[in-house]
């Protein structure tokens, strides 16, 4: 299975412009599963006191149907989603209806009204089984089963002050769970990209630039 971790350079809050950036990366990618980082359309809520999460979710809903996903491929898209008047941090496997709501929103998200999901979702694509862990879910990994998976997708953003801790946690999960982890993060005005393939203590990364990390796994 070929997997493309798409690492965009975006502008916080400029959803229409960011959509164009993401589509260009989608068009260039070689994988069967294309993976975007957390808040790829909007930029993170962290360090942005003026962000309107509900407005961002509504704008995301307007542009998401415009994504052109090549036939036979899947796109894992993370964005804010409004459902029945409630806000969630959501990963969706397009063009399917399969989705996963972040189970453990961070304090900034909670303050913005983002609610936790309740389901551990197993996704399937190109014959592989995997789960998605979104950012603050990782410290709660003991509450998430990873049995019978081919790999784990970790969708996140980070700042300089927590990068080493987060990478250490990812490697620990890979070692203790004997599981390959594909970590997708973004490059934006207040966060850095560092998309990675982690297999035990082996780490291959695309760091701090826009681009695509192409991975093939058996």
N, C-alpha and C. Protein backbone atom coordinates (compact mmCIF):
# COMPACT_ATOMS: atom_id res chain seq x y z
N UNK A 1 0.84 -1.20 0.00
CA UNK A 1 0.00 0.00 0.00
C UNK A 1 0.88 1.25 0.00
N UNK A 2 0.55 2.18 -0.86
CA UNK A 2 1.28 3.45 -0.92
C UNK A 2 0.49 4.53 -0.18
N UNK A 3 1.19 5.24 0.70
CA UNK A 3 0.57 6.27 1.53
C UNK A 3 1.33 7.58 1.33
N UNK A 4 0.59 8.66 1.12
CA UNK A 4 1.18 9.98 0.94
C UNK A 4 0.79 10.87 2.12
N UNK A 5 1.79 11.29 2.91
CA UNK A 5 1.56 12.28 3.97
C UNK A 5 1.75 13.67 3.35
N UNK A 6 0.68 14.42 3.26
CA UNK A 6 0.71 15.73 2.61
C UNK A 6 0.95 16.81 3.66
N UNK A 7 2.03 17.56 3.49
CA UNK A 7 2.42 18.56 4.48
C UNK A 7 2.32 19.95 3.84
N UNK A 8 1.22 20.66 4.09
CA UNK A 8 0.99 21.93 3.40
C UNK A 8 1.55 23.15 4.13
N UNK A 9 1.82 24.17 3.37
CA UNK A 9 2.10 25.49 3.91
C UNK A 9 0.82 26.31 3.76
N UNK A 10 0.19 26.65 4.86
CA UNK A 10 -1.11 27.31 4.80
C UNK A 10 -1.08 28.66 5.51
N UNK A 11 -2.21 29.36 5.40
CA UNK A 11 -2.39 30.61 6.13
C UNK A 11 -3.59 30.46 7.05
N UNK A 12 -3.39 30.74 8.31
CA UNK A 12 -4.43 30.54 9.31
C UNK A 12 -5.72 31.29 8.94
N UNK A 13 -6.83 30.53 8.92
CA UNK A 13 -8.13 31.13 8.71
C UNK A 13 -8.50 31.39 7.26
N UNK A 14 -7.55 31.26 6.32
CA UNK A 14 -7.84 31.53 4.91
C UNK A 14 -8.22 30.22 4.23
N UNK A 15 -9.45 29.77 4.42
CA UNK A 15 -9.86 28.43 4.04
C UNK A 15 -9.87 28.24 2.53
N UNK A 16 -10.34 29.21 1.79
CA UNK A 16 -10.40 29.06 0.33
C UNK A 16 -8.99 28.96 -0.26
N UNK A 17 -8.08 29.80 0.20
CA UNK A 17 -6.70 29.73 -0.29
C UNK A 17 -6.04 28.42 0.12
N UNK A 18 -6.28 28.00 1.36
CA UNK A 18 -5.70 26.75 1.84
C UNK A 18 -6.22 25.55 1.05
N UNK A 19 -7.49 25.60 0.67
CA UNK A 19 -8.05 24.54 -0.16
C UNK A 19 -7.24 24.36 -1.45
N UNK A 20 -6.87 25.47 -2.08
CA UNK A 20 -6.09 25.40 -3.31
C UNK A 20 -4.72 24.76 -3.06
N UNK A 21 -4.10 25.10 -1.94
CA UNK A 21 -2.81 24.51 -1.57
C UNK A 21 -2.95 22.99 -1.41
N UNK A 22 -3.98 22.57 -0.69
CA UNK A 22 -4.20 21.15 -0.45
C UNK A 22 -4.47 20.40 -1.75
N UNK A 23 -5.28 21.00 -2.63
CA UNK A 23 -5.60 20.32 -3.89
C UNK A 23 -4.35 20.13 -4.75
N UNK A 24 -3.45 21.10 -4.73
CA UNK A 24 -2.20 20.95 -5.50
C UNK A 24 -1.39 19.77 -4.99
N UNK A 25 -1.32 19.61 -3.66
CA UNK A 25 -0.60 18.47 -3.10
C UNK A 25 -1.30 17.16 -3.42
N UNK A 26 -2.62 17.14 -3.36
CA UNK A 26 -3.37 15.95 -3.73
C UNK A 26 -3.05 15.55 -5.17
N UNK A 27 -3.02 16.52 -6.06
CA UNK A 27 -2.77 16.25 -7.48
C UNK A 27 -1.38 15.69 -7.72
N UNK A 28 -0.41 16.05 -6.86
CA UNK A 28 0.97 15.60 -7.04
C UNK A 28 1.25 14.25 -6.37
N UNK A 29 0.40 13.82 -5.47
CA UNK A 29 0.70 12.66 -4.63
C UNK A 29 0.60 11.36 -5.42
N UNK A 30 1.35 10.36 -4.94
CA UNK A 30 1.43 9.06 -5.60
C UNK A 30 0.68 7.96 -4.86
N UNK A 31 0.24 8.22 -3.64
CA UNK A 31 -0.31 7.17 -2.79
C UNK A 31 -1.73 6.77 -3.11
N UNK A 32 -2.12 5.64 -2.54
CA UNK A 32 -3.52 5.21 -2.58
C UNK A 32 -4.30 5.84 -1.44
N UNK A 33 -3.62 6.06 -0.31
CA UNK A 33 -4.20 6.77 0.83
C UNK A 33 -3.45 8.08 1.01
N UNK A 34 -4.17 9.19 0.90
CA UNK A 34 -3.59 10.52 1.03
C UNK A 34 -4.01 11.07 2.39
N UNK A 35 -3.04 11.55 3.16
CA UNK A 35 -3.30 11.92 4.55
C UNK A 35 -2.95 13.39 4.78
N UNK A 36 -3.92 14.15 5.26
CA UNK A 36 -3.69 15.56 5.60
C UNK A 36 -3.59 15.72 7.11
N UNK A 37 -2.87 16.73 7.58
CA UNK A 37 -2.67 16.92 9.02
C UNK A 37 -3.88 17.57 9.69
N UNK A 38 -3.78 17.71 10.99
CA UNK A 38 -4.83 18.34 11.78
C UNK A 38 -5.01 19.80 11.36
N UNK A 39 -6.27 20.20 11.21
CA UNK A 39 -6.63 21.58 10.87
C UNK A 39 -5.97 22.06 9.57
N UNK A 40 -5.91 21.16 8.58
CA UNK A 40 -5.22 21.50 7.34
C UNK A 40 -5.90 22.64 6.58
N UNK A 41 -7.22 22.74 6.67
CA UNK A 41 -7.93 23.80 5.95
C UNK A 41 -7.88 25.14 6.67
N UNK A 42 -7.77 25.10 7.98
CA UNK A 42 -7.96 26.33 8.77
C UNK A 42 -6.72 26.83 9.49
N UNK A 43 -5.81 25.93 9.84
CA UNK A 43 -4.80 26.24 10.82
C UNK A 43 -5.36 25.96 12.21
N UNK A 44 -4.48 25.81 13.16
CA UNK A 44 -4.87 25.41 14.51
C UNK A 44 -5.54 26.53 15.28
N UNK A 45 -6.37 26.15 16.23
CA UNK A 45 -6.97 27.11 17.15
C UNK A 45 -5.96 27.61 18.18
N UNK A 46 -4.88 26.85 18.39
CA UNK A 46 -3.89 27.20 19.40
C UNK A 46 -3.23 28.54 19.07
N UNK A 47 -3.10 29.38 20.05
CA UNK A 47 -2.45 30.70 19.94
C UNK A 47 -3.24 31.69 19.09
N UNK A 48 -4.51 31.38 18.79
CA UNK A 48 -5.35 32.31 18.03
C UNK A 48 -6.62 32.58 18.82
N UNK A 49 -6.58 33.63 19.64
CA UNK A 49 -7.71 33.94 20.50
C UNK A 49 -8.92 34.43 19.71
N UNK A 50 -8.71 34.87 18.48
CA UNK A 50 -9.80 35.41 17.68
C UNK A 50 -10.46 34.38 16.77
N UNK A 51 -9.98 33.15 16.79
CA UNK A 51 -10.54 32.13 15.92
C UNK A 51 -11.99 31.85 16.29
N UNK A 52 -12.85 31.75 15.27
CA UNK A 52 -14.25 31.42 15.46
C UNK A 52 -14.46 30.00 14.94
N UNK A 53 -14.49 29.03 15.85
CA UNK A 53 -14.53 27.62 15.46
C UNK A 53 -15.79 27.29 14.67
N UNK A 54 -16.91 27.83 15.06
CA UNK A 54 -18.16 27.56 14.35
C UNK A 54 -18.11 28.10 12.93
N UNK A 55 -17.60 29.31 12.77
CA UNK A 55 -17.48 29.89 11.44
C UNK A 55 -16.52 29.09 10.58
N UNK A 56 -15.42 28.64 11.17
CA UNK A 56 -14.47 27.81 10.43
C UNK A 56 -15.13 26.51 9.97
N UNK A 57 -15.91 25.89 10.84
CA UNK A 57 -16.58 24.64 10.49
C UNK A 57 -17.55 24.85 9.33
N UNK A 58 -18.27 25.95 9.36
CA UNK A 58 -19.23 26.23 8.29
C UNK A 58 -18.53 26.49 6.96
N UNK A 59 -17.40 27.19 6.99
CA UNK A 59 -16.65 27.44 5.76
C UNK A 59 -16.03 26.15 5.23
N UNK A 60 -15.55 25.30 6.15
CA UNK A 60 -14.98 24.01 5.72
C UNK A 60 -16.04 23.18 5.01
N UNK A 61 -17.27 23.18 5.53
CA UNK A 61 -18.35 22.42 4.92
C UNK A 61 -18.65 22.90 3.51
N UNK A 62 -18.40 24.17 3.25
CA UNK A 62 -18.65 24.72 1.92
C UNK A 62 -17.60 24.29 0.90
N UNK A 63 -16.34 24.20 1.32
CA UNK A 63 -15.27 23.89 0.36
C UNK A 63 -14.96 22.41 0.24
N UNK A 64 -15.24 21.62 1.27
CA UNK A 64 -14.84 20.21 1.25
C UNK A 64 -15.41 19.43 0.06
N UNK A 65 -16.67 19.67 -0.36
CA UNK A 65 -17.18 18.93 -1.52
C UNK A 65 -16.44 19.24 -2.82
N UNK A 66 -15.64 20.30 -2.84
CA UNK A 66 -14.92 20.68 -4.05
C UNK A 66 -13.63 19.90 -4.25
N UNK A 67 -13.19 19.13 -3.25
CA UNK A 67 -11.95 18.37 -3.41
C UNK A 67 -12.09 17.38 -4.57
N UNK A 68 -11.10 17.36 -5.41
CA UNK A 68 -11.03 16.41 -6.52
C UNK A 68 -10.09 15.28 -6.11
N UNK A 69 -10.66 14.14 -5.73
CA UNK A 69 -9.87 13.00 -5.28
C UNK A 69 -9.75 12.03 -6.45
N UNK A 70 -8.54 11.71 -6.88
CA UNK A 70 -8.39 10.80 -8.03
C UNK A 70 -9.11 9.48 -7.81
N UNK A 71 -9.64 8.94 -8.86
CA UNK A 71 -10.39 7.69 -8.78
C UNK A 71 -9.52 6.57 -8.21
N UNK A 72 -10.10 5.81 -7.29
CA UNK A 72 -9.39 4.70 -6.67
C UNK A 72 -8.54 5.09 -5.48
N UNK A 73 -8.53 6.40 -5.13
CA UNK A 73 -7.74 6.86 -3.99
C UNK A 73 -8.66 7.31 -2.85
N UNK A 74 -8.07 7.39 -1.65
CA UNK A 74 -8.80 7.85 -0.47
C UNK A 74 -8.06 9.04 0.12
N UNK A 75 -8.82 10.00 0.65
CA UNK A 75 -8.25 11.17 1.31
C UNK A 75 -8.70 11.20 2.76
N UNK A 76 -7.74 11.19 3.69
CA UNK A 76 -8.04 11.36 5.10
C UNK A 76 -7.94 12.85 5.42
N UNK A 77 -9.08 13.48 5.62
CA UNK A 77 -9.16 14.92 5.83
C UNK A 77 -9.58 15.21 7.26
N UNK A 78 -8.80 16.05 7.95
CA UNK A 78 -9.17 16.51 9.29
C UNK A 78 -9.70 17.94 9.19
N UNK A 79 -10.83 18.19 9.82
CA UNK A 79 -11.37 19.55 9.85
C UNK A 79 -12.36 19.68 10.99
N UNK A 80 -12.76 20.91 11.25
CA UNK A 80 -13.84 21.15 12.18
C UNK A 80 -15.17 20.83 11.50
N UNK A 81 -16.05 20.15 12.24
CA UNK A 81 -17.33 19.72 11.68
C UNK A 81 -18.44 20.12 12.64
N UNK A 82 -19.50 20.69 12.09
CA UNK A 82 -20.71 20.96 12.85
C UNK A 82 -21.73 19.88 12.53
N UNK A 83 -22.24 19.22 13.55
CA UNK A 83 -23.23 18.18 13.35
C UNK A 83 -24.35 18.36 14.38
N UNK A 84 -25.54 18.67 13.87
CA UNK A 84 -26.71 18.88 14.73
C UNK A 84 -26.43 19.94 15.80
N UNK A 85 -25.77 21.02 15.37
CA UNK A 85 -25.49 22.12 16.27
C UNK A 85 -24.32 21.91 17.21
N UNK A 86 -23.61 20.78 17.05
CA UNK A 86 -22.47 20.49 17.90
C UNK A 86 -21.19 20.49 17.07
N UNK A 87 -20.10 20.92 17.71
CA UNK A 87 -18.81 21.02 17.02
C UNK A 87 -17.90 19.85 17.39
N UNK A 88 -17.19 19.32 16.37
CA UNK A 88 -16.25 18.23 16.59
C UNK A 88 -14.99 18.46 15.76
N UNK A 89 -13.88 17.93 16.25
CA UNK A 89 -12.65 17.80 15.47
C UNK A 89 -12.75 16.42 14.82
N UNK A 90 -12.81 16.40 13.50
CA UNK A 90 -13.20 15.18 12.80
C UNK A 90 -12.22 14.80 11.70
N UNK A 91 -11.91 13.51 11.60
CA UNK A 91 -11.19 12.96 10.46
C UNK A 91 -12.18 12.15 9.62
N UNK A 92 -12.22 12.45 8.32
CA UNK A 92 -13.12 11.74 7.41
C UNK A 92 -12.33 11.09 6.29
N UNK A 93 -12.70 9.87 5.97
CA UNK A 93 -12.06 9.14 4.88
C UNK A 93 -12.90 9.33 3.62
N UNK A 94 -12.51 10.32 2.83
CA UNK A 94 -13.23 10.63 1.60
C UNK A 94 -12.74 9.75 0.45
N UNK A 95 -13.60 9.34 -0.47
CA UNK A 95 -14.97 9.79 -0.68
C UNK A 95 -16.01 8.99 0.09
N UNK A 96 -15.63 8.18 1.08
CA UNK A 96 -16.59 7.41 1.86
C UNK A 96 -17.24 8.30 2.90
N UNK A 97 -18.19 7.74 3.63
CA UNK A 97 -18.84 8.45 4.73
C UNK A 97 -18.19 8.12 6.08
N UNK A 98 -17.14 7.30 6.08
CA UNK A 98 -16.49 6.88 7.32
C UNK A 98 -15.81 8.08 7.99
N UNK A 99 -15.95 8.18 9.31
CA UNK A 99 -15.36 9.31 10.02
C UNK A 99 -15.06 8.94 11.46
N UNK A 100 -14.23 9.78 12.10
CA UNK A 100 -13.84 9.59 13.50
C UNK A 100 -13.77 10.95 14.16
N UNK A 101 -14.45 11.10 15.31
CA UNK A 101 -14.39 12.34 16.07
C UNK A 101 -13.31 12.21 17.15
N UNK A 102 -12.46 13.22 17.24
CA UNK A 102 -11.43 13.26 18.28
C UNK A 102 -12.07 13.02 19.64
N UNK A 103 -11.51 12.06 20.40
CA UNK A 103 -12.12 11.69 21.67
C UNK A 103 -11.72 12.58 22.84
N UNK A 104 -10.55 13.21 22.72
CA UNK A 104 -10.04 13.98 23.84
C UNK A 104 -9.62 15.38 23.36
N UNK A 105 -10.59 16.29 23.15
CA UNK A 105 -10.24 17.66 22.75
C UNK A 105 -9.34 18.31 23.79
N UNK A 106 -8.39 19.14 23.32
CA UNK A 106 -7.50 19.82 24.25
C UNK A 106 -8.23 21.01 24.88
N UNK A 107 -7.62 21.63 25.90
CA UNK A 107 -8.32 22.74 26.59
C UNK A 107 -8.74 23.88 25.67
N UNK A 108 -7.90 24.21 24.67
CA UNK A 108 -8.28 25.28 23.73
C UNK A 108 -9.53 24.90 22.96
N UNK A 109 -9.60 23.66 22.51
CA UNK A 109 -10.78 23.19 21.77
C UNK A 109 -12.01 23.17 22.67
N UNK A 110 -11.84 22.73 23.88
CA UNK A 110 -12.97 22.71 24.80
C UNK A 110 -13.53 24.11 25.02
N UNK A 111 -12.62 25.09 25.15
CA UNK A 111 -13.05 26.48 25.33
C UNK A 111 -13.81 27.00 24.11
N UNK A 112 -13.48 26.44 22.93
CA UNK A 112 -14.14 26.84 21.68
C UNK A 112 -15.44 26.08 21.45
N UNK A 113 -15.80 25.19 22.37
CA UNK A 113 -17.05 24.47 22.25
C UNK A 113 -16.97 23.15 21.52
N UNK A 114 -15.75 22.65 21.28
CA UNK A 114 -15.58 21.37 20.58
C UNK A 114 -15.80 20.23 21.56
N UNK A 115 -16.65 19.29 21.16
CA UNK A 115 -17.05 18.20 22.03
C UNK A 115 -16.27 16.92 21.70
N UNK A 116 -16.16 16.00 22.66
CA UNK A 116 -15.45 14.74 22.40
C UNK A 116 -16.32 13.73 21.67
N UNK A 117 -15.66 12.93 20.83
CA UNK A 117 -16.33 11.78 20.25
C UNK A 117 -16.28 10.62 21.23
N UNK A 118 -16.95 9.53 20.88
CA UNK A 118 -17.05 8.40 21.80
C UNK A 118 -16.64 7.07 21.20
N UNK A 119 -16.37 7.03 19.88
CA UNK A 119 -16.16 5.75 19.21
C UNK A 119 -14.73 5.57 18.75
N UNK A 120 -14.15 4.38 19.01
CA UNK A 120 -12.88 3.99 18.41
C UNK A 120 -13.17 3.39 17.04
N UNK A 121 -12.81 4.09 15.99
CA UNK A 121 -13.16 3.67 14.63
C UNK A 121 -12.00 2.94 13.96
N UNK A 122 -12.29 1.78 13.38
CA UNK A 122 -11.32 1.09 12.54
C UNK A 122 -11.66 1.40 11.08
N UNK A 123 -10.68 1.96 10.37
CA UNK A 123 -10.84 2.25 8.94
C UNK A 123 -10.23 1.12 8.12
N UNK A 124 -10.71 0.97 6.90
CA UNK A 124 -10.12 0.03 5.96
C UNK A 124 -9.96 0.70 4.61
N UNK A 125 -8.77 0.55 4.02
CA UNK A 125 -8.49 1.10 2.70
C UNK A 125 -7.39 0.27 2.05
N UNK A 126 -7.59 -0.06 0.79
CA UNK A 126 -6.60 -0.83 0.03
C UNK A 126 -6.16 -2.08 0.76
N UNK A 127 -7.12 -2.72 1.45
CA UNK A 127 -6.83 -3.97 2.14
C UNK A 127 -6.13 -3.84 3.46
N UNK A 128 -5.96 -2.63 3.97
CA UNK A 128 -5.27 -2.40 5.25
C UNK A 128 -6.25 -1.87 6.29
N UNK A 129 -6.00 -2.26 7.55
CA UNK A 129 -6.81 -1.81 8.68
C UNK A 129 -5.99 -0.83 9.52
N UNK A 130 -6.60 0.29 9.88
CA UNK A 130 -5.89 1.28 10.68
C UNK A 130 -6.86 2.10 11.50
N UNK A 131 -6.34 2.73 12.54
CA UNK A 131 -7.08 3.69 13.33
C UNK A 131 -6.42 5.05 13.23
N UNK A 132 -7.19 6.07 13.57
CA UNK A 132 -6.70 7.45 13.60
C UNK A 132 -6.66 7.92 15.05
N UNK A 133 -5.55 8.54 15.43
CA UNK A 133 -5.41 9.19 16.73
C UNK A 133 -5.14 10.66 16.45
N UNK A 134 -5.97 11.54 16.99
CA UNK A 134 -5.85 12.97 16.69
C UNK A 134 -5.23 13.70 17.88
N UNK A 135 -4.02 14.16 17.72
CA UNK A 135 -3.34 15.07 18.64
C UNK A 135 -3.46 14.67 20.11
N UNK A 136 -4.34 15.32 20.85
CA UNK A 136 -4.43 15.13 22.31
C UNK A 136 -4.96 13.74 22.68
N UNK A 137 -5.41 12.98 21.68
CA UNK A 137 -5.78 11.58 21.93
C UNK A 137 -4.56 10.75 22.36
N UNK A 138 -3.38 11.13 21.88
CA UNK A 138 -2.19 10.28 22.08
C UNK A 138 -1.88 10.03 23.56
N UNK A 139 -1.92 11.03 24.45
CA UNK A 139 -1.66 10.74 25.87
C UNK A 139 -2.68 9.77 26.48
N UNK A 140 -3.79 9.54 25.77
CA UNK A 140 -4.84 8.64 26.26
C UNK A 140 -4.84 7.33 25.48
N UNK A 141 -3.71 6.99 24.88
CA UNK A 141 -3.64 5.82 24.01
C UNK A 141 -4.00 4.53 24.75
N UNK A 142 -3.80 4.49 26.06
CA UNK A 142 -4.15 3.28 26.81
C UNK A 142 -5.66 3.00 26.79
N UNK A 143 -6.44 4.00 26.42
CA UNK A 143 -7.88 3.82 26.32
C UNK A 143 -8.33 3.49 24.90
N UNK A 144 -7.36 3.31 24.00
CA UNK A 144 -7.65 3.05 22.59
C UNK A 144 -7.00 1.74 22.18
N UNK A 145 -7.79 0.76 21.78
CA UNK A 145 -7.26 -0.52 21.33
C UNK A 145 -6.60 -0.39 19.97
N UNK A 146 -5.46 -1.07 19.80
CA UNK A 146 -4.79 -1.11 18.50
C UNK A 146 -4.60 -2.54 18.02
N UNK A 147 -5.40 -3.45 18.51
CA UNK A 147 -5.29 -4.85 18.11
C UNK A 147 -5.66 -5.03 16.63
N UNK A 148 -4.92 -5.91 15.97
CA UNK A 148 -5.23 -6.32 14.60
C UNK A 148 -5.23 -5.17 13.60
N UNK A 149 -4.36 -4.19 13.83
CA UNK A 149 -4.20 -3.07 12.89
C UNK A 149 -2.92 -3.26 12.08
N UNK A 150 -2.93 -2.70 10.88
CA UNK A 150 -1.71 -2.70 10.06
C UNK A 150 -0.83 -1.50 10.37
N UNK A 151 -1.46 -0.39 10.76
CA UNK A 151 -0.70 0.79 11.16
C UNK A 151 -1.64 1.75 11.87
N UNK A 152 -1.05 2.79 12.45
CA UNK A 152 -1.78 3.84 13.15
C UNK A 152 -1.49 5.17 12.48
N UNK A 153 -2.53 5.96 12.24
CA UNK A 153 -2.34 7.33 11.75
C UNK A 153 -2.43 8.29 12.92
N UNK A 154 -1.40 9.12 13.09
CA UNK A 154 -1.41 10.16 14.12
C UNK A 154 -1.51 11.51 13.43
N UNK A 155 -2.63 12.19 13.62
CA UNK A 155 -2.93 13.46 12.96
C UNK A 155 -2.80 14.56 13.99
N UNK A 156 -1.90 15.53 13.76
CA UNK A 156 -1.65 16.49 14.85
C UNK A 156 -1.05 17.79 14.35
N UNK A 157 -0.85 18.71 15.28
CA UNK A 157 -0.03 19.89 15.09
C UNK A 157 0.79 20.06 16.37
N UNK A 158 1.83 20.83 16.31
CA UNK A 158 2.64 21.01 17.51
C UNK A 158 3.33 22.36 17.49
N UNK A 159 3.87 22.74 18.63
CA UNK A 159 4.73 23.91 18.73
C UNK A 159 6.10 23.46 19.22
N UNK A 160 7.06 24.34 19.14
CA UNK A 160 8.44 23.97 19.49
C UNK A 160 8.56 23.44 20.92
N UNK A 161 7.73 23.97 21.81
CA UNK A 161 7.90 23.60 23.22
C UNK A 161 7.39 22.20 23.55
N UNK A 162 6.65 21.57 22.63
CA UNK A 162 6.20 20.20 22.94
C UNK A 162 6.62 19.17 21.91
N UNK A 163 7.45 19.57 20.95
CA UNK A 163 7.82 18.66 19.86
C UNK A 163 8.55 17.41 20.36
N UNK A 164 9.58 17.59 21.17
CA UNK A 164 10.37 16.44 21.61
C UNK A 164 9.52 15.48 22.44
N UNK A 165 8.66 16.02 23.27
CA UNK A 165 7.78 15.16 24.07
C UNK A 165 6.85 14.34 23.18
N UNK A 166 6.24 15.00 22.20
CA UNK A 166 5.30 14.31 21.32
C UNK A 166 6.00 13.22 20.52
N UNK A 167 7.17 13.52 19.96
CA UNK A 167 7.89 12.51 19.19
C UNK A 167 8.28 11.33 20.07
N UNK A 168 8.65 11.61 21.31
CA UNK A 168 8.97 10.52 22.24
C UNK A 168 7.76 9.64 22.50
N UNK A 169 6.58 10.26 22.64
CA UNK A 169 5.36 9.49 22.87
C UNK A 169 5.01 8.62 21.66
N UNK A 170 5.21 9.16 20.46
CA UNK A 170 4.92 8.39 19.25
C UNK A 170 5.83 7.17 19.17
N UNK A 171 7.12 7.36 19.42
CA UNK A 171 8.06 6.23 19.36
C UNK A 171 7.73 5.18 20.41
N UNK A 172 7.31 5.64 21.58
CA UNK A 172 6.95 4.69 22.64
C UNK A 172 5.74 3.85 22.22
N UNK A 173 4.76 4.48 21.60
CA UNK A 173 3.59 3.74 21.11
C UNK A 173 4.01 2.71 20.07
N UNK A 174 4.88 3.11 19.15
CA UNK A 174 5.33 2.18 18.11
C UNK A 174 6.05 0.99 18.70
N UNK A 175 6.89 1.23 19.70
CA UNK A 175 7.66 0.15 20.32
C UNK A 175 6.76 -0.76 21.15
N UNK A 176 5.96 -0.17 22.04
CA UNK A 176 5.17 -0.98 22.97
C UNK A 176 4.03 -1.70 22.28
N UNK A 177 3.45 -1.08 21.25
CA UNK A 177 2.34 -1.71 20.54
C UNK A 177 2.81 -2.54 19.34
N UNK A 178 4.13 -2.49 19.05
CA UNK A 178 4.68 -3.18 17.88
C UNK A 178 3.89 -2.81 16.63
N UNK A 179 3.81 -1.51 16.41
CA UNK A 179 2.93 -0.97 15.39
C UNK A 179 3.60 0.17 14.64
N UNK A 180 3.48 0.17 13.34
CA UNK A 180 3.98 1.29 12.55
C UNK A 180 3.04 2.49 12.72
N UNK A 181 3.63 3.67 12.87
CA UNK A 181 2.85 4.90 13.05
C UNK A 181 3.22 5.88 11.95
N UNK A 182 2.21 6.43 11.30
CA UNK A 182 2.40 7.47 10.30
C UNK A 182 1.86 8.76 10.89
N UNK A 183 2.74 9.73 11.11
CA UNK A 183 2.37 10.97 11.78
C UNK A 183 2.34 12.11 10.78
N UNK A 184 1.20 12.79 10.70
CA UNK A 184 1.02 13.87 9.73
C UNK A 184 0.81 15.19 10.47
N UNK A 185 1.69 16.17 10.21
CA UNK A 185 1.54 17.48 10.84
C UNK A 185 1.66 18.57 9.79
N UNK A 186 1.35 19.82 10.18
CA UNK A 186 1.29 20.89 9.20
C UNK A 186 2.40 21.93 9.39
N UNK A 187 2.61 22.70 8.33
CA UNK A 187 3.47 23.88 8.39
C UNK A 187 2.54 25.08 8.30
N UNK A 188 2.51 25.90 9.34
CA UNK A 188 1.68 27.10 9.30
C UNK A 188 2.37 28.22 10.04
N UNK A 189 1.67 29.34 10.21
CA UNK A 189 2.32 30.52 10.74
C UNK A 189 2.73 30.39 12.20
N UNK A 190 2.11 29.48 12.96
CA UNK A 190 2.45 29.35 14.36
C UNK A 190 2.81 27.92 14.75
N UNK A 191 2.87 27.01 13.80
CA UNK A 191 3.24 25.62 14.07
C UNK A 191 4.21 25.15 12.99
N UNK A 192 4.85 24.02 13.25
CA UNK A 192 5.80 23.48 12.29
C UNK A 192 5.32 22.15 11.75
N UNK A 193 5.72 21.83 10.52
CA UNK A 193 5.44 20.51 9.98
C UNK A 193 6.57 19.56 10.31
N UNK A 194 6.23 18.34 10.59
CA UNK A 194 7.25 17.32 10.81
C UNK A 194 6.57 15.97 10.60
N UNK A 195 6.16 15.70 9.36
CA UNK A 195 5.46 14.47 9.05
C UNK A 195 6.45 13.31 9.03
N UNK A 196 6.06 12.16 9.62
CA UNK A 196 7.03 11.10 9.88
C UNK A 196 6.44 9.71 9.70
N UNK A 197 7.33 8.78 9.38
CA UNK A 197 7.05 7.35 9.42
C UNK A 197 7.88 6.78 10.56
N UNK A 198 7.21 6.15 11.52
CA UNK A 198 7.89 5.63 12.72
C UNK A 198 7.66 4.14 12.80
N UNK A 199 8.73 3.36 12.80
CA UNK A 199 8.66 1.92 12.96
C UNK A 199 9.64 1.55 14.06
N UNK A 200 9.12 1.36 15.27
CA UNK A 200 9.95 1.14 16.45
C UNK A 200 10.82 2.37 16.66
N UNK A 201 12.14 2.22 16.60
CA UNK A 201 13.03 3.36 16.82
C UNK A 201 13.56 3.96 15.53
N UNK A 202 13.02 3.53 14.41
CA UNK A 202 13.40 4.10 13.11
C UNK A 202 12.39 5.18 12.75
N UNK A 203 12.89 6.40 12.48
CA UNK A 203 12.03 7.52 12.15
C UNK A 203 12.52 8.17 10.86
N UNK A 204 11.61 8.32 9.89
CA UNK A 204 11.91 9.02 8.64
C UNK A 204 10.94 10.19 8.55
N UNK A 205 11.46 11.41 8.32
CA UNK A 205 10.60 12.59 8.42
C UNK A 205 10.80 13.56 7.27
N UNK A 206 9.76 14.33 7.02
CA UNK A 206 9.82 15.53 6.18
C UNK A 206 9.63 16.71 7.12
N UNK A 207 10.64 17.55 7.24
CA UNK A 207 10.59 18.55 8.31
C UNK A 207 10.53 19.97 7.78
N UNK A 208 9.62 20.73 8.37
CA UNK A 208 9.56 22.19 8.29
C UNK A 208 9.58 22.74 6.87
N UNK A 209 8.91 22.05 5.94
CA UNK A 209 8.75 22.59 4.60
C UNK A 209 7.51 21.97 3.98
N UNK A 210 6.98 22.65 2.97
CA UNK A 210 5.84 22.06 2.27
C UNK A 210 6.32 20.91 1.41
N UNK A 211 5.54 19.85 1.37
CA UNK A 211 5.92 18.72 0.52
C UNK A 211 5.09 17.49 0.81
N UNK A 212 5.55 16.36 0.29
CA UNK A 212 4.85 15.08 0.42
C UNK A 212 5.85 14.02 0.85
N UNK A 213 5.53 13.31 1.92
CA UNK A 213 6.33 12.16 2.35
C UNK A 213 5.63 10.92 1.82
N UNK A 214 6.26 10.26 0.83
CA UNK A 214 5.68 9.07 0.19
C UNK A 214 6.21 7.82 0.88
N UNK A 215 5.30 6.93 1.26
CA UNK A 215 5.65 5.73 2.01
C UNK A 215 4.97 4.53 1.36
N UNK A 216 5.67 3.42 1.25
CA UNK A 216 5.07 2.18 0.79
C UNK A 216 5.24 1.12 1.86
N UNK A 217 4.15 0.51 2.26
CA UNK A 217 4.20 -0.52 3.30
C UNK A 217 3.56 -1.81 2.78
N UNK A 218 4.04 -2.93 3.28
CA UNK A 218 3.50 -4.23 2.89
C UNK A 218 2.32 -4.58 3.80
